Amino acid sequence: MTVFGRLRTALAGCPSVEEDGRTVTIRYEDLDTGGFPEDTLRIRMTMTDAGSTGPAEVIDRIVTRVGVCVTDLSATGTEPYPRVSETPVLRQIDRLRAAQGL
């Protein structure tokens, strides 16, 4: 199993966790189309404080492997929900492919 396979398994096996009065919900999706390499995940972690109706914090990230390099781009916020832009990630992927002759 690849490292990204193990990451997918870990994310799927831990959809939420409670810690220090805060619930962390984890969602992920594969981004393996539109120029992204096969090993690309969008991961969203939503932290909610006990008794709260809205998120205290949201972390959205795109993790990808290009050849021998792994990149991790993230955005953090509360409102509006952050969504990491795919455009800079795709530019970085193109640069890494060129640098590695892929």
PDB file of N, CA and C in Angstrom:
ATOM      1  N   MET A   1       0.855  -1.184   0.000  1.00  0.00           N
ATOM      2  CA  MET A   1       0.000   0.000   0.000  1.00  0.00           C
ATOM      3  C   MET A   1       0.896   1.240   0.000  1.00  0.00           C
ATOM      4  N   THR A   2       0.526   2.230  -0.794  1.00  0.00           N
ATOM      5  CA  THR A   2       1.300   3.464  -0.882  1.00  0.00           C
ATOM      6  C   THR A   2       1.071   4.334   0.353  1.00  0.00           C
ATOM      7  N   VAL A   3       1.914   5.328   0.502  1.00  0.00           N
ATOM      8  CA  VAL A   3       1.757   6.276   1.601  1.00  0.00           C
ATOM      9  C   VAL A   3       0.397   6.967   1.493  1.00  0.00           C
ATOM     10  N   PHE A   4      -0.003   7.366   0.282  1.00  0.00           N
ATOM     11  CA  PHE A   4      -1.302   8.014   0.123  1.00  0.00           C
ATOM     12  C   PHE A   4      -2.440   7.038   0.396  1.00  0.00           C
ATOM     13  N   GLY A   5      -2.242   5.768   0.091  1.00  0.00           N
ATOM     14  CA  GLY A   5      -3.236   4.754   0.447  1.00  0.00           C
ATOM     15  C   GLY A   5      -3.411   4.650   1.949  1.00  0.00           C
ATOM     16  N   ARG A   6      -2.305   4.689   2.665  1.00  0.00           N
ATOM     17  CA  ARG A   6      -2.375   4.654   4.133  1.00  0.00           C
ATOM     18  C   ARG A   6      -3.020   5.925   4.679  1.00  0.00           C
ATOM     19  N   LEU A   7      -2.732   7.067   4.038  1.00  0.00           N
ATOM     20  CA  LEU A   7      -3.353   8.324   4.465  1.00  0.00           C
ATOM     21  C   LEU A   7      -4.865   8.258   4.264  1.00  0.00           C
ATOM     22  N   ARG A   8      -5.317   7.762   3.105  1.00  0.00           N
ATOM     23  CA  ARG A   8      -6.759   7.604   2.857  1.00  0.00           C
ATOM     24  C   ARG A   8      -7.399   6.703   3.909  1.00  0.00           C
ATOM     25  N   THR A   9      -6.743   5.590   4.220  1.00  0.00           N
ATOM     26  CA  THR A   9      -7.263   4.656   5.226  1.00  0.00           C
ATOM     27  C   THR A   9      -7.361   5.322   6.593  1.00  0.00           C
ATOM     28  N   ALA A  10      -6.337   6.076   6.968  1.00  0.00           N
ATOM     29  CA  ALA A  10      -6.342   6.762   8.262  1.00  0.00           C
ATOM     30  C   ALA A  10      -7.451   7.807   8.322  1.00  0.00           C
ATOM     31  N   LEU A  11      -7.617   8.584   7.248  1.00  0.00           N
ATOM     32  CA  LEU A  11      -8.667   9.611   7.228  1.00  0.00           C
ATOM     33  C   LEU A  11     -10.052   8.985   7.281  1.00  0.00           C
ATOM     34  N   ALA A  12     -10.247   7.903   6.547  1.00  0.00           N
ATOM     35  CA  ALA A  12     -11.550   7.227   6.541  1.00  0.00           C
ATOM     36  C   ALA A  12     -11.851   6.592   7.891  1.00  0.00           C
ATOM     37  N   GLY A  13     -10.825   6.143   8.591  1.00  0.00           N
ATOM     38  CA  GLY A  13     -11.008   5.488   9.880  1.00  0.00           C
ATOM     39  C   GLY A  13     -11.183   6.438  11.045  1.00  0.00           C
ATOM     40  N   CYS A  14     -11.029   7.730  10.803  1.00  0.00           N
ATOM     41  CA  CYS A  14     -11.127   8.710  11.886  1.00  0.00           C
ATOM     42  C   CYS A  14     -11.928   9.922  11.415  1.00  0.00           C
ATOM     43  N   PRO A  15     -13.239   9.752  11.151  1.00  0.00           N
ATOM     44  CA  PRO A  15     -14.016  10.877  10.630  1.00  0.00           C
ATOM     45  C   PRO A  15     -14.217  12.006  11.636  1.00  0.00           C
ATOM     46  N   SER A  16     -14.099  11.698  12.932  1.00  0.00           N
ATOM     47  CA  SER A  16     -14.187  12.759  13.933  1.00  0.00           C
ATOM     48  C   SER A  16     -13.511  12.301  15.217  1.00  0.00           C
ATOM     49  N   VAL A  17     -13.078  13.300  15.982  1.00  0.00           N
ATOM     50  CA  VAL A  17     -12.432  13.030  17.257  1.00  0.00           C
ATOM     51  C   VAL A  17     -12.798  14.167  18.206  1.00  0.00           C
ATOM     52  N   GLU A  18     -12.936  13.848  19.489  1.00  0.00           N
ATOM     53  CA  GLU A  18     -13.197  14.876  20.494  1.00  0.00           C
ATOM     54  C   GLU A  18     -11.957  15.043  21.351  1.00  0.00           C
ATOM     55  N   GLU A  19     -11.581  16.309  21.542  1.00  0.00           N
ATOM     56  CA  GLU A  19     -10.381  16.609  22.306  1.00  0.00           C
ATOM     57  C   GLU A  19     -10.511  17.973  22.953  1.00  0.00           C
ATOM     58  N   ASP A  20     -10.281  18.057  24.246  1.00  0.00           N
ATOM     59  CA  ASP A  20     -10.290  19.320  24.990  1.00  0.00           C
ATOM     60  C   ASP A  20     -11.564  20.129  24.760  1.00  0.00           C
ATOM     61  N   GLY A  21     -12.743  19.476  24.765  1.00  0.00           N
ATOM     62  CA  GLY A  21     -14.015  20.174  24.602  1.00  0.00           C
ATOM     63  C   GLY A  21     -14.297  20.616  23.184  1.00  0.00           C
ATOM     64  N   ARG A  22     -13.562  20.105  22.240  1.00  0.00           N
ATOM     65  CA  ARG A  22     -13.720  20.484  20.833  1.00  0.00           C
ATOM     66  C   ARG A  22     -13.862  19.211  19.995  1.00  0.00           C
ATOM     67  N   THR A  23     -14.791  19.238  19.065  1.00  0.00           N
ATOM     68  CA  THR A  23     -14.958  18.129  18.137  1.00  0.00           C
ATOM     69  C   THR A  23     -14.306  18.510  16.814  1.00  0.00           C
ATOM     70  N   VAL A  24     -13.480  17.616  16.312  1.00  0.00           N
ATOM     71  CA  VAL A  24     -12.825  17.820  15.023  1.00  0.00           C
ATOM     72  C   VAL A  24     -13.414  16.808  14.049  1.00  0.00           C
ATOM     73  N   THR A  25     -14.038  17.318  12.991  1.00  0.00           N
ATOM     74  CA  THR A  25     -14.614  16.469  11.954  1.00  0.00           C
ATOM     75  C   THR A  25     -13.707  16.530  10.734  1.00  0.00           C
ATOM     76  N   ILE A  26     -13.378  15.356  10.190  1.00  0.00           N
ATOM     77  CA  ILE A  26     -12.451  15.277   9.072  1.00  0.00           C
ATOM     78  C   ILE A  26     -13.160  14.680   7.863  1.00  0.00           C
ATOM     79  N   ARG A  27     -13.068  15.372   6.752  1.00  0.00           N
ATOM     80  CA  ARG A  27     -13.617  14.904   5.475  1.00  0.00           C
ATOM     81  C   ARG A  27     -12.501  14.992   4.436  1.00  0.00           C
ATOM     82  N   TYR A  28     -12.522  14.078   3.481  1.00  0.00           N
ATOM     83  CA  TYR A  28     -11.535  14.154   2.408  1.00  0.00           C
ATOM     84  C   TYR A  28     -12.144  13.688   1.106  1.00  0.00           C
ATOM     85  N   GLU A  29     -11.522  14.103   0.012  1.00  0.00           N
ATOM     86  CA  GLU A  29     -11.927  13.637  -1.308  1.00  0.00           C
ATOM     87  C   GLU A  29     -10.686  13.541  -2.181  1.00  0.00           C
ATOM     88  N   ASP A  30     -10.701  12.596  -3.113  1.00  0.00           N
ATOM     89  CA  ASP A  30      -9.625  12.474  -4.084  1.00  0.00           C
ATOM     90  C   ASP A  30      -9.784  13.543  -5.151  1.00  0.00           C
ATOM     91  N   LEU A  31      -8.694  14.170  -5.515  1.00  0.00           N
ATOM     92  CA  LEU A  31      -8.662  15.107  -6.637  1.00  0.00           C
ATOM     93  C   LEU A  31      -7.703  14.522  -7.669  1.00  0.00           C
ATOM     94  N   ASP A  32      -8.177  13.592  -8.452  1.00  0.00           N
ATOM     95  CA  ASP A  32      -7.283  12.937  -9.411  1.00  0.00           C
ATOM     96  C   ASP A  32      -7.702  13.214 -10.859  1.00  0.00           C
ATOM     97  N   THR A  33      -8.361  14.344 -11.068  1.00  0.00           N
ATOM     98  CA  THR A  33      -8.732  14.768 -12.415  1.00  0.00           C
ATOM     99  C   THR A  33      -8.354  16.228 -12.592  1.00  0.00           C
ATOM    100  N   GLY A  34      -8.521  16.746 -13.775  1.00  0.00           N
ATOM    101  CA  GLY A  34      -8.292  18.175 -14.013  1.00  0.00           C
ATOM    102  C   GLY A  34      -6.859  18.616 -13.835  1.00  0.00           C
ATOM    103  N   GLY A  35      -5.883  17.751 -14.164  1.00  0.00           N
ATOM    104  CA  GLY A  35      -4.486  18.132 -14.060  1.00  0.00           C
ATOM    105  C   GLY A  35      -3.806  17.711 -12.767  1.00  0.00           C
ATOM    106  N   PHE A  36      -4.568  17.175 -11.824  1.00  0.00           N
ATOM    107  CA  PHE A  36      -3.968  16.723 -10.572  1.00  0.00           C
ATOM    108  C   PHE A  36      -3.410  15.316 -10.736  1.00  0.00           C
ATOM    109  N   PRO A  37      -2.279  15.025 -10.091  1.00  0.00           N
ATOM    110  CA  PRO A  37      -1.759  13.659 -10.111  1.00  0.00           C
ATOM    111  C   PRO A  37      -2.709  12.713  -9.372  1.00  0.00           C
ATOM    112  N   GLU A  38      -2.487  11.432  -9.581  1.00  0.00           N
ATOM    113  CA  GLU A  38      -3.325  10.423  -8.928  1.00  0.00           C
ATOM    114  C   GLU A  38      -3.310  10.565  -7.410  1.00  0.00           C
ATOM    115  N   ASP A  39      -2.156  10.860  -6.853  1.00  0.00           N
ATOM    116  CA  ASP A  39      -2.036  11.005  -5.399  1.00  0.00           C
ATOM    117  C   ASP A  39      -2.296  12.446  -4.988  1.00  0.00           C
ATOM    118  N   THR A  40      -3.575  12.844  -4.974  1.00  0.00           N
ATOM    119  CA  THR A  40      -3.961  14.187  -4.543  1.00  0.00           C
ATOM    120  C   THR A  40      -5.223  14.080  -3.697  1.00  0.00           C
ATOM    121  N   LEU A  41      -5.187  14.684  -2.508  1.00  0.00           N
ATOM    122  CA  LEU A  41      -6.334  14.679  -1.602  1.00  0.00           C
ATOM    123  C   LEU A  41      -6.676  16.102  -1.178  1.00  0.00           C
ATOM    124  N   ARG A  42      -7.972  16.402  -1.116  1.00  0.00           N
ATOM    125  CA  ARG A  42      -8.458  17.621  -0.469  1.00  0.00           C
ATOM    126  C   ARG A  42      -8.972  17.169   0.894  1.00  0.00           C
ATOM    127  N   ILE A  43      -8.450  17.782   1.944  1.00  0.00           N
ATOM    128  CA  ILE A  43      -8.809  17.416   3.316  1.00  0.00           C
ATOM    129  C   ILE A  43      -9.392  18.639   4.006  1.00  0.00           C
ATOM    130  N   ARG A  44     -10.532  18.477   4.644  1.00  0.00           N
ATOM    131  CA  ARG A  44     -11.146  19.559   5.413  1.00  0.00           C
ATOM    132  C   ARG A  44     -11.308  19.099   6.862  1.00  0.00           C
ATOM    133  N   MET A  45     -10.756  19.896   7.789  1.00  0.00           N
ATOM    134  CA  MET A  45     -10.901  19.638   9.215  1.00  0.00           C
ATOM    135  C   MET A  45     -11.721  20.774   9.807  1.00  0.00           C
ATOM    136  N   THR A  46     -12.865  20.444  10.392  1.00  0.00           N
ATOM    137  CA  THR A  46     -13.753  21.440  10.983  1.00  0.00           C
ATOM    138  C   THR A  46     -13.751  21.246  12.496  1.00  0.00           C
ATOM    139  N   MET A  47     -13.351  22.299  13.232  1.00  0.00           N
ATOM    140  CA  MET A  47     -13.318  22.249  14.689  1.00  0.00           C
ATOM    141  C   MET A  47     -14.516  23.004  15.249  1.00  0.00           C
ATOM    142  N   THR A  48     -15.266  22.328  16.119  1.00  0.00           N
ATOM    143  CA  THR A  48     -16.443  22.929  16.739  1.00  0.00           C
ATOM    144  C   THR A  48     -16.306  22.801  18.250  1.00  0.00           C
ATOM    145  N   ASP A  49     -16.475  23.923  18.956  1.00  0.00           N
ATOM    146  CA  ASP A  49     -16.416  23.911  20.416  1.00  0.00           C
ATOM    147  C   ASP A  49     -17.705  23.331  20.982  1.00  0.00           C
ATOM    148  N   ALA A  50     -17.609  22.673  22.132  1.00  0.00           N
ATOM    149  CA  ALA A  50     -18.777  22.088  22.784  1.00  0.00           C
ATOM    150  C   ALA A  50     -19.841  23.148  23.007  1.00  0.00           C
ATOM    151  N   GLY A  51     -21.081  22.846  22.640  1.00  0.00           N
ATOM    152  CA  GLY A  51     -22.197  23.761  22.826  1.00  0.00           C
ATOM    153  C   GLY A  51     -22.339  24.805  21.741  1.00  0.00           C
ATOM    154  N   SER A  52     -21.429  24.853  20.799  1.00  0.00           N
ATOM    155  CA  SER A  52     -21.474  25.841  19.729  1.00  0.00           C
ATOM    156  C   SER A  52     -22.247  25.297  18.532  1.00  0.00           C
ATOM    157  N   THR A  53     -22.900  26.193  17.807  1.00  0.00           N
ATOM    158  CA  THR A  53     -23.638  25.768  16.621  1.00  0.00           C
ATOM    159  C   THR A  53     -22.814  25.938  15.351  1.00  0.00           C
ATOM    160  N   GLY A  54     -21.760  26.724  15.405  1.00  0.00           N
ATOM    161  CA  GLY A  54     -20.924  26.952  14.227  1.00  0.00           C
ATOM    162  C   GLY A  54     -19.492  26.551  14.483  1.00  0.00           C
ATOM    163  N   PRO A  55     -18.716  26.471  13.423  1.00  0.00           N
ATOM    164  CA  PRO A  55     -17.326  26.062  13.596  1.00  0.00           C
ATOM    165  C   PRO A  55     -16.487  27.141  14.265  1.00  0.00           C
ATOM    166  N   ALA A  56     -15.541  26.701  15.076  1.00  0.00           N
ATOM    167  CA  ALA A  56     -14.574  27.613  15.679  1.00  0.00           C
ATOM    168  C   ALA A  56     -13.431  27.861  14.700  1.00  0.00           C
ATOM    169  N   GLU A  57     -13.157  26.838  13.896  1.00  0.00           N
ATOM    170  CA  GLU A  57     -12.056  26.939  12.943  1.00  0.00           C
ATOM    171  C   GLU A  57     -12.241  25.880  11.868  1.00  0.00           C
ATOM    172  N   VAL A  58     -11.838  26.207  10.646  1.00  0.00           N
ATOM    173  CA  VAL A  58     -11.882  25.261   9.535  1.00  0.00           C
ATOM    174  C   VAL A  58     -10.522  25.303   8.845  1.00  0.00           C
ATOM    175  N   ILE A  59      -9.948  24.134   8.626  1.00  0.00           N
ATOM    176  CA  ILE A  59      -8.698  24.035   7.880  1.00  0.00           C
ATOM    177  C   ILE A  59      -8.981  23.231   6.621  1.00  0.00           C
ATOM    178  N   ASP A  60      -8.690  23.827   5.487  1.00  0.00           N
ATOM    179  CA  ASP A  60      -8.885  23.179   4.198  1.00  0.00           C
ATOM    180  C   ASP A  60      -7.512  23.046   3.562  1.00  0.00           C
ATOM    181  N   ARG A  61      -7.169  21.841   3.087  1.00  0.00           N
ATOM    182  CA  ARG A  61      -5.838  21.644   2.510  1.00  0.00           C
ATOM    183  C   ARG A  61      -5.885  20.717   1.318  1.00  0.00           C
ATOM    184  N   ILE A  62      -4.908  20.905   0.428  1.00  0.00           N
ATOM    185  CA  ILE A  62      -4.708  20.001  -0.698  1.00  0.00           C
ATOM    186  C   ILE A  62      -3.303  19.431  -0.555  1.00  0.00           C
ATOM    187  N   VAL A  63      -3.227  18.104  -0.495  1.00  0.00           N
ATOM    188  CA  VAL A  63      -1.952  17.398  -0.371  1.00  0.00           C
ATOM    189  C   VAL A  63      -1.773  16.579  -1.644  1.00  0.00           C
ATOM    190  N   THR A  64      -0.607  16.710  -2.292  1.00  0.00           N
ATOM    191  CA  THR A  64      -0.372  15.988  -3.542  1.00  0.00           C
ATOM    192  C   THR A  64       1.070  15.510  -3.638  1.00  0.00           C
ATOM    193  N   ARG A  65       1.251  14.424  -4.362  1.00  0.00           N
ATOM    194  CA  ARG A  65       2.596  13.907  -4.634  1.00  0.00           C
ATOM    195  C   ARG A  65       2.875  14.068  -6.114  1.00  0.00           C
ATOM    196  N   VAL A  66       4.014  14.700  -6.415  1.00  0.00           N
ATOM    197  CA  VAL A  66       4.462  14.878  -7.790  1.00  0.00           C
ATOM    198  C   VAL A  66       5.863  14.281  -7.855  1.00  0.00           C
ATOM    199  N   GLY A  67       6.004  13.129  -8.478  1.00  0.00           N
ATOM    200  CA  GLY A  67       7.304  12.465  -8.512  1.00  0.00           C
ATOM    201  C   GLY A  67       7.767  12.152  -7.105  1.00  0.00           C
ATOM    202  N   VAL A  68       8.913  12.727  -6.721  1.00  0.00           N
ATOM    203  CA  VAL A  68       9.462  12.471  -5.389  1.00  0.00           C
ATOM    204  C   VAL A  68       9.095  13.548  -4.374  1.00  0.00           C
ATOM    205  N   CYS A  69       8.279  14.536  -4.792  1.00  0.00           N
ATOM    206  CA  CYS A  69       7.928  15.659  -3.911  1.00  0.00           C
ATOM    207  C   CYS A  69       6.478  15.578  -3.452  1.00  0.00           C
ATOM    208  N   VAL A  70       6.247  15.973  -2.207  1.00  0.00           N
ATOM    209  CA  VAL A  70       4.890  16.087  -1.664  1.00  0.00           C
ATOM    210  C   VAL A  70       4.663  17.548  -1.305  1.00  0.00           C
ATOM    211  N   THR A  71       3.527  18.100  -1.747  1.00  0.00           N
ATOM    212  CA  THR A  71       3.174  19.475  -1.396  1.00  0.00           C
ATOM    213  C   THR A  71       1.935  19.467  -0.533  1.00  0.00           C
ATOM    214  N   ASP A  72       1.812  20.470   0.306  1.00  0.00           N
ATOM    215  CA  ASP A  72       0.673  20.605   1.214  1.00  0.00           C
ATOM    216  C   ASP A  72       0.337  22.087   1.295  1.00  0.00           C
ATOM    217  N   LEU A  73      -0.774  22.484   0.662  1.00  0.00           N
ATOM    218  CA  LEU A  73      -1.210  23.875   0.685  1.00  0.00           C
ATOM    219  C   LEU A  73      -2.476  23.949   1.523  1.00  0.00           C
ATOM    220  N   SER A  74      -2.535  24.893   2.456  1.00  0.00           N
ATOM    221  CA  SER A  74      -3.709  24.957   3.324  1.00  0.00           C
ATOM    222  C   SER A  74      -4.210  26.380   3.499  1.00  0.00           C
ATOM    223  N   ALA A  75      -5.495  26.468   3.891  1.00  0.00           N
ATOM    224  CA  ALA A  75      -6.148  27.731   4.233  1.00  0.00           C
ATOM    225  C   ALA A  75      -6.901  27.501   5.530  1.00  0.00           C
ATOM    226  N   THR A  76      -6.947  28.519   6.370  1.00  0.00           N
ATOM    227  CA  THR A  76      -7.612  28.416   7.665  1.00  0.00           C
ATOM    228  C   THR A  76      -8.534  29.609   7.863  1.00  0.00           C
ATOM    229  N   GLY A  77      -9.679  29.376   8.489  1.00  0.00           N
ATOM    230  CA  GLY A  77     -10.591  30.475   8.782  1.00  0.00           C
ATOM    231  C   GLY A  77     -11.860  29.978   9.441  1.00  0.00           C
ATOM    232  N   THR A  78     -12.795  30.880   9.655  1.00  0.00           N
ATOM    233  CA  THR A  78     -14.084  30.499  10.231  1.00  0.00           C
ATOM    234  C   THR A  78     -15.203  30.820   9.256  1.00  0.00           C
ATOM    235  N   GLU A  79     -15.357  32.041   8.864  1.00  0.00           N
ATOM    236  CA  GLU A  79     -16.393  32.447   7.909  1.00  0.00           C
ATOM    237  C   GLU A  79     -15.788  33.400   6.899  1.00  0.00           C
ATOM    238  N   PRO A  80     -16.073  33.324   5.623  1.00  0.00           N
ATOM    239  CA  PRO A  80     -16.730  32.167   5.038  1.00  0.00           C
ATOM    240  C   PRO A  80     -15.788  30.968   5.082  1.00  0.00           C
ATOM    241  N   TYR A  81     -16.331  29.798   4.898  1.00  0.00           N
ATOM    242  CA  TYR A  81     -15.492  28.609   4.928  1.00  0.00           C
ATOM    243  C   TYR A  81     -14.373  28.757   3.911  1.00  0.00           C
ATOM    244  N   PRO A  82     -13.140  28.510   4.318  1.00  0.00           N
ATOM    245  CA  PRO A  82     -12.043  28.621   3.360  1.00  0.00           C
ATOM    246  C   PRO A  82     -12.087  27.456   2.383  1.00  0.00           C
ATOM    247  N   ARG A  83     -11.630  27.683   1.213  1.00  0.00           N
ATOM    248  CA  ARG A  83     -11.452  26.604   0.244  1.00  0.00           C
ATOM    249  C   ARG A  83     -10.158  26.927  -0.483  1.00  0.00           C
ATOM    250  N   VAL A  84      -9.207  26.051  -0.325  1.00  0.00           N
ATOM    251  CA  VAL A  84      -7.928  26.266  -0.963  1.00  0.00           C
ATOM    252  C   VAL A  84      -8.154  26.353  -2.468  1.00  0.00           C
ATOM    253  N   SER A  85      -7.627  27.377  -3.068  1.00  0.00           N
ATOM    254  CA  SER A  85      -7.735  27.536  -4.508  1.00  0.00           C
ATOM    255  C   SER A  85      -6.897  26.473  -5.200  1.00  0.00           C
ATOM    256  N   GLU A  86      -7.468  25.833  -6.199  1.00  0.00           N
ATOM    257  CA  GLU A  86      -6.752  24.803  -6.931  1.00  0.00           C
ATOM    258  C   GLU A  86      -5.708  25.398  -7.875  1.00  0.00           C
ATOM    259  N   THR A  87      -5.877  26.646  -8.287  1.00  0.00           N
ATOM    260  CA  THR A  87      -4.983  27.251  -9.277  1.00  0.00           C
ATOM    261  C   THR A  87      -3.521  27.276  -8.831  1.00  0.00           C
ATOM    262  N   PRO A  88      -3.176  27.785  -7.614  1.00  0.00           N
ATOM    263  CA  PRO A  88      -1.760  27.779  -7.240  1.00  0.00           C
ATOM    264  C   PRO A  88      -1.199  26.374  -7.068  1.00  0.00           C
ATOM    265  N   VAL A  89      -2.046  25.431  -6.665  1.00  0.00           N
ATOM    266  CA  VAL A  89      -1.586  24.050  -6.514  1.00  0.00           C
ATOM    267  C   VAL A  89      -1.243  23.481  -7.891  1.00  0.00           C
ATOM    268  N   LEU A  90      -2.092  23.728  -8.889  1.00  0.00           N
ATOM    269  CA  LEU A  90      -1.824  23.247 -10.246  1.00  0.00           C
ATOM    270  C   LEU A  90      -0.554  23.878 -10.822  1.00  0.00           C
ATOM    271  N   ARG A  91      -0.306  25.164 -10.527  1.00  0.00           N
ATOM    272  CA  ARG A  91       0.938  25.813 -10.969  1.00  0.00           C
ATOM    273  C   ARG A  91       2.152  25.138 -10.332  1.00  0.00           C
ATOM    274  N   GLN A  92       2.048  24.852  -9.037  1.00  0.00           N
ATOM    275  CA  GLN A  92       3.153  24.179  -8.344  1.00  0.00           C
ATOM    276  C   GLN A  92       3.384  22.785  -8.920  1.00  0.00           C
ATOM    277  N   ILE A  93       2.313  22.078  -9.230  1.00  0.00           N
ATOM    278  CA  ILE A  93       2.431  20.747  -9.833  1.00  0.00           C
ATOM    279  C   ILE A  93       3.164  20.836 -11.162  1.00  0.00           C
ATOM    280  N   ASP A  94       2.787  21.809 -12.004  1.00  0.00           N
ATOM    281  CA  ASP A  94       3.460  21.978 -13.295  1.00  0.00           C
ATOM    282  C   ASP A  94       4.945  22.256 -13.109  1.00  0.00           C
ATOM    283  N   ARG A  95       5.291  23.103 -12.146  1.00  0.00           N
ATOM    284  CA  ARG A  95       6.703  23.422 -11.879  1.00  0.00           C
ATOM    285  C   ARG A  95       7.467  22.200 -11.388  1.00  0.00           C
ATOM    286  N   LEU A  96       6.844  21.427 -10.515  1.00  0.00           N
ATOM    287  CA  LEU A  96       7.522  20.219  -9.997  1.00  0.00           C
ATOM    288  C   LEU A  96       7.696  19.170 -11.092  1.00  0.00           C
ATOM    289  N   ARG A  97       6.693  19.034 -11.955  1.00  0.00           N
ATOM    290  CA  ARG A  97       6.828  18.097 -13.083  1.00  0.00           C
ATOM    291  C   ARG A  97       7.983  18.515 -13.984  1.00  0.00           C
ATOM    292  N   ALA A  98       8.046  19.807 -14.310  1.00  0.00           N
ATOM    293  CA  ALA A  98       9.117  20.314 -15.178  1.00  0.00           C
ATOM    294  C   ALA A  98      10.484  20.111 -14.533  1.00  0.00           C
ATOM    295  N   ALA A  99      10.605  20.409 -13.251  1.00  0.00           N
ATOM    296  CA  ALA A  99      11.886  20.298 -12.557  1.00  0.00           C
ATOM    297  C   ALA A  99      12.373  18.846 -12.476  1.00  0.00           C
ATOM    298  N   GLN A 100      11.421  17.905 -12.453  1.00  0.00           N
ATOM    299  CA  GLN A 100      11.795  16.495 -12.351  1.00  0.00           C
ATOM    300  C   GLN A 100      11.778  15.780 -13.708  1.00  0.00           C
ATOM    301  N   GLY A 101      11.465  16.535 -14.776  1.00  0.00           N
ATOM    302  CA  GLY A 101      11.423  15.940 -16.100  1.00  0.00           C
ATOM    303  C   GLY A 101      10.281  14.959 -16.272  1.00  0.00           C
ATOM    304  N   LEU A 102       9.165  15.225 -15.607  1.00  0.00           N
ATOM    305  CA  LEU A 102       7.995  14.316 -15.697  1.00  0.00           C
ATOM    306  C   LEU A 102       7.027  14.757 -16.763  1.00  0.00           C
TER     307      LEU A 102
END
